[in-house]
Amino acid sequence: MTTGNITDAPGNGPVCIIGASGRSGSALCRALLAEGQKIIAVVRSQGNLAPDIADACEAVRIADLTDSTELALAFEGAAVVVNTAHARHLPAILAATKAPVAALGSTRKFTHWPDNHGRGVLAGEAALRADGRPSIILHPTMIYGAQGEDNVQRLAKLLERLPIIPLPGGGRALVQPIDQRDVTRCLVSAIHLIQNGDVTRPESIVIAGPTAVAYRTFVRMVLYFAGLGGRPIVSLPGWMLMALSHVTRHIRRLPQIAPEEIRRLLEDKNFDVAPMEQRLGVTPVPLANGLHHLFGALSHQKKDL
């Protein structure tokens, strides 16, 4: 991997970040701005962009990702275009710019039960392959640790209200969550590789936590680091929990879990992180460290309120 300050790299014109107001997009903006990188933020509404990012960007441009004319204007002058919005928009993005592209996909593309999200990721990746320009698409597993994320933090809110934890198949299926900080580091590394001319064709890389754990272990870790104490885990058939999810959605103040999410909890998510480490130079944060950091930060936020 080529290293060095991004400002010394060839082709170091502005990086255009689509979805700059989102969780991954805003984290990426701040990381690149800290390096002195020029940023063009592309958002649907300027009011959603954090003020500190808006003030530091070279430009903030409003665009609807389904409007080809707006997209072409939004990407004007960009040396690299980064898509942190859904990968289904990649065909339109590729049609609107000739710049190299970095993008976020999802390991949802591997599910045995394809949905619109997974099919959109597959379509976006296929568009990159067919286009052939230098590009990297990163496929993260479940992302946790971002401000306001709805994976681990939503799970913790649900666990807080449950005296027992019903899990499909006893929670034996494997999960491999990735810390948002690692997602940001992987995106920055992908951008560096593109800017330094180290990418010559479309590349696809899975990014994940260092090791997979059983979902029941993951739940127990969330309980521990969230300071919620222990809860008994009860094994229930997946079909029963999916049926119950239709009932619980009518219970106010109870975080919702869709039937599709329960079904995916029956699938193993176990990925090799060697390509992530070797190609991107990112060694992922262990889950225990990431959860400790997340809930420590949330605790400090509550004290400050």
Foldseek 3Di string as FASTA:
>chain_A
DDDDQLVPFALQWEEEEEPCLDQLNVLLLVVCVVSVGAYEYEYQDPVSHDPVSCVSHPYYAHDDLVDLVSLLVSCPRHQEYEYADQLLSQLSNVVNDPHEYEYEAAPLLVDPDDDPSNVSSVVSLVSQQVVWAFYEYEHEYAEDQTVPDCDLVVLLQQVLPDQAAEAEVLQQAKGFYFYSVLVSLLRVLSVSCVRNVVTGTYYYYYATAPWIDRRVVVSVLSCVLLVPDDHHYDYDHLVVVQVVLVVCVPPPPRRGDHSVNRVCSVHHDGDDCVCVCVRRVGHTDHPNVSSNVRSVVVVVVVVVD
